[in-house]
Amino acid sequence: MAVIGPLLVGFATTLKHLFRKPITVNYPEQKFPMFPKYRGKQVLMRDENGLEKCVACGLCSVACPADAIYLEAAENDGTVMAGPRYASVYQIHKTRCIFCGYCEEACPVGAIFMGKDYELAVYSKADFVWDKKDLLVPAAVSSPQPRAGTEAQTRDSGFGIRD
């Protein structure tokens, strides 16, 4: 009799959960929405002109408790960044980073941002170091302006009939 009671409780629990909506997410097809305070892969931001925001002050590297950030400053000629210096080399070692967010808080210009990316698996040892090209947000591509006089020729009314 001592065995049947817990067995019935187990069956009742199973039947109770059998008809509930499943909470499983089909991962590769569906992505789980991240919480607002989630700190994922770091991202280096650009300004409104498409130039890098990083001024290579090194405060993010100093604030990092795991010593995961390495940067080298270089003088700017105006094509990379709006300020006098920029980071010619900017690397974050993924196995050292503890995703604490201190680098984001230390940055005076808001150049580094903790993103929401959580797919961080890699297959080779060399991919554990995020370089500047991996971290930098792609520059916004401006769409080419249509030539004068061609707008009426290419405009479509939406019904497959040209004006």
Protein backbone atom coordinates (compact mmCIF):
# COMPACT_ATOMS: atom_id res chain seq x y z
CA MET A 1 0.00 0.00 0.00
CA ALA A 2 2.97 2.34 0.62
CA VAL A 3 4.02 1.91 -3.01
CA ILE A 4 0.62 2.56 -4.62
CA GLY A 5 0.07 6.05 -3.11
CA PRO A 6 3.19 7.68 -4.59
CA LEU A 7 2.56 5.86 -7.87
CA LEU A 8 -0.94 7.37 -8.12
CA VAL A 9 0.44 10.84 -7.27
CA GLY A 10 3.00 10.44 -10.07
CA PHE A 11 0.33 9.38 -12.58
CA ALA A 12 -1.89 12.30 -11.53
CA THR A 13 0.98 14.74 -12.03
CA THR A 14 1.68 13.27 -15.46
CA LEU A 15 -1.97 13.49 -16.52
CA LYS A 16 -2.22 17.05 -15.20
CA HIS A 17 0.73 18.21 -17.35
CA LEU A 18 -0.19 16.07 -20.36
CA PHE A 19 -2.92 18.44 -21.59
CA ARG A 20 -1.17 21.74 -20.89
CA LYS A 21 0.36 23.86 -23.62
CA PRO A 22 4.03 22.86 -24.08
CA ILE A 23 6.67 25.46 -23.25
CA THR A 24 9.27 23.99 -25.57
CA VAL A 25 10.83 26.23 -28.22
CA ASN A 26 11.92 24.65 -31.52
CA TYR A 27 15.33 26.29 -31.27
CA PRO A 28 16.83 26.51 -34.75
CA GLU A 29 13.57 27.72 -36.29
CA GLN A 30 12.37 29.82 -33.36
CA LYS A 31 14.53 32.08 -31.24
CA PHE A 32 13.75 32.64 -27.59
CA PRO A 33 13.26 36.36 -26.89
CA MET A 34 15.91 37.65 -24.54
CA PHE A 35 15.17 39.64 -21.42
CA PRO A 36 15.88 43.39 -21.55
CA LYS A 37 18.78 43.17 -19.08
CA TYR A 38 20.47 40.25 -20.86
CA ARG A 39 24.12 40.92 -21.67
CA GLY A 40 25.32 39.05 -24.74
CA LYS A 41 28.07 39.58 -27.28
CA GLN A 42 29.61 43.03 -27.29
CA VAL A 43 29.00 45.32 -30.25
CA LEU A 44 31.05 48.34 -31.33
CA MET A 45 28.71 51.12 -32.42
CA ARG A 46 28.92 53.67 -35.24
CA ASP A 47 27.76 57.28 -35.21
CA GLU A 48 25.10 58.79 -37.47
CA ASN A 49 27.69 59.36 -40.23
CA GLY A 50 28.75 55.70 -40.24
CA LEU A 51 32.09 56.37 -38.52
CA GLU A 52 33.34 54.45 -35.50
CA LYS A 53 32.46 55.87 -32.10
CA CYS A 54 35.44 54.39 -30.26
CA VAL A 55 38.04 57.04 -29.31
CA ALA A 56 40.56 54.45 -28.06
CA CYS A 57 40.64 55.86 -24.54
CA GLY A 58 41.21 52.40 -23.05
CA LEU A 59 38.72 52.78 -20.20
CA CYS A 60 36.88 49.61 -21.26
CA SER A 61 40.14 47.65 -21.07
CA VAL A 62 40.94 49.05 -17.63
CA ALA A 63 37.42 48.39 -16.31
CA CYS A 64 37.37 44.76 -17.48
CA PRO A 65 37.93 42.56 -14.39
CA ALA A 66 38.89 39.56 -16.51
CA ASP A 67 41.43 41.47 -18.65
CA ALA A 68 39.64 40.27 -21.79
CA ILE A 69 39.86 43.49 -23.84
CA TYR A 70 42.95 44.49 -25.80
CA LEU A 71 43.16 47.64 -27.91
CA GLU A 72 45.80 49.68 -29.68
CA ALA A 73 45.27 53.36 -30.37
CA ALA A 74 46.25 55.07 -33.60
CA GLU A 75 46.09 58.64 -34.86
CA ASN A 76 43.07 59.42 -36.99
CA ASP A 77 43.08 61.00 -40.43
CA GLY A 78 39.33 61.70 -40.40
CA THR A 79 38.17 58.71 -42.46
CA VAL A 80 37.70 56.22 -39.63
CA MET A 81 36.39 58.23 -36.73
CA ALA A 82 35.42 61.81 -35.95
CA GLY A 83 37.84 62.20 -33.03
CA PRO A 84 41.65 62.50 -32.89
CA ARG A 85 42.28 58.79 -32.21
CA TYR A 86 40.70 55.45 -33.03
CA ALA A 87 41.29 51.83 -32.10
CA SER A 88 43.39 50.27 -34.84
CA VAL A 89 43.23 46.92 -33.01
CA TYR A 90 40.27 46.03 -30.80
CA GLN A 91 39.99 42.46 -29.52
CA ILE A 92 37.89 40.70 -26.90
CA HIS A 93 38.91 37.24 -25.77
CA LYS A 94 35.69 35.27 -25.52
CA THR A 95 36.91 32.66 -23.05
CA ARG A 96 38.02 35.35 -20.59
CA CYS A 97 34.97 37.63 -20.89
CA ILE A 98 32.46 37.21 -18.07
CA PHE A 99 29.81 39.45 -19.72
CA CYS A 100 29.66 41.74 -16.69
CA GLY A 101 28.97 44.91 -18.68
CA TYR A 102 31.67 47.02 -17.00
CA CYS A 103 33.11 47.89 -20.41
CA GLU A 104 29.76 49.33 -21.48
CA GLU A 105 29.48 51.38 -18.30
CA ALA A 106 33.07 52.69 -18.53
CA CYS A 107 32.85 53.92 -22.14
CA PRO A 108 32.47 57.73 -22.15
CA VAL A 109 31.13 57.92 -25.72
CA GLY A 110 28.83 54.87 -25.75
CA ALA A 111 30.92 53.03 -28.32
CA ILE A 112 30.56 49.54 -26.85
CA PHE A 113 27.19 47.97 -26.24
CA MET A 114 26.22 44.61 -24.80
CA GLY A 115 24.11 43.00 -27.51
CA LYS A 116 21.45 40.31 -27.30
CA ASP A 117 23.28 37.63 -29.31
CA TYR A 118 23.50 34.33 -27.44
CA GLU A 119 24.68 32.02 -30.21
CA LEU A 120 28.37 32.15 -29.39
CA ALA A 121 29.56 28.61 -30.18
CA VAL A 122 32.62 28.26 -32.40
CA TYR A 123 34.53 25.33 -33.87
CA SER A 124 38.13 26.50 -33.82
CA LYS A 125 40.39 27.96 -31.18
CA ALA A 126 41.17 31.02 -33.30
CA ASP A 127 37.49 32.05 -33.30
CA PHE A 128 37.56 32.62 -29.52
CA VAL A 129 39.07 36.07 -30.11
CA TRP A 130 36.57 38.60 -31.43
CA ASP A 131 38.33 41.10 -33.64
CA LYS A 132 37.19 44.57 -34.60
CA LYS A 133 35.60 43.29 -37.80
CA ASP A 134 33.51 40.81 -35.77
CA LEU A 135 32.37 43.41 -33.23
CA LEU A 136 31.75 46.49 -35.38
CA VAL A 137 28.20 47.17 -36.51
CA PRO A 138 28.00 47.13 -40.32
CA ALA A 139 27.85 50.58 -41.86
CA ALA A 140 24.47 51.65 -43.15
CA VAL A 141 24.34 51.36 -46.91
CA SER A 142 22.64 54.33 -48.50
CA SER A 143 20.36 53.47 -51.39
CA PRO A 144 21.26 55.13 -54.68
CA GLN A 145 19.01 58.04 -55.63
CA PRO A 146 16.93 57.55 -58.81
CA ARG A 147 17.90 59.73 -61.73
CA ALA A 148 15.65 62.63 -62.63
CA GLY A 149 12.89 61.72 -65.07
CA THR A 150 13.03 57.98 -64.44
CA GLU A 151 10.63 57.87 -61.47
CA ALA A 152 7.50 57.93 -63.66
CA GLN A 153 8.89 55.17 -65.86
CA THR A 154 9.52 52.73 -62.99
CA ARG A 155 6.58 53.56 -60.72
CA ASP A 156 4.05 50.74 -60.32
CA SER A 157 0.50 51.33 -59.06
CA GLY A 158 0.45 48.04 -57.16
CA PHE A 159 -1.91 46.18 -59.49
CA GLY A 160 0.67 45.23 -62.09
CA ILE A 161 -0.36 48.15 -64.30
CA ARG A 162 2.19 50.86 -64.99
CA ASP A 163 1.17 54.51 -64.86
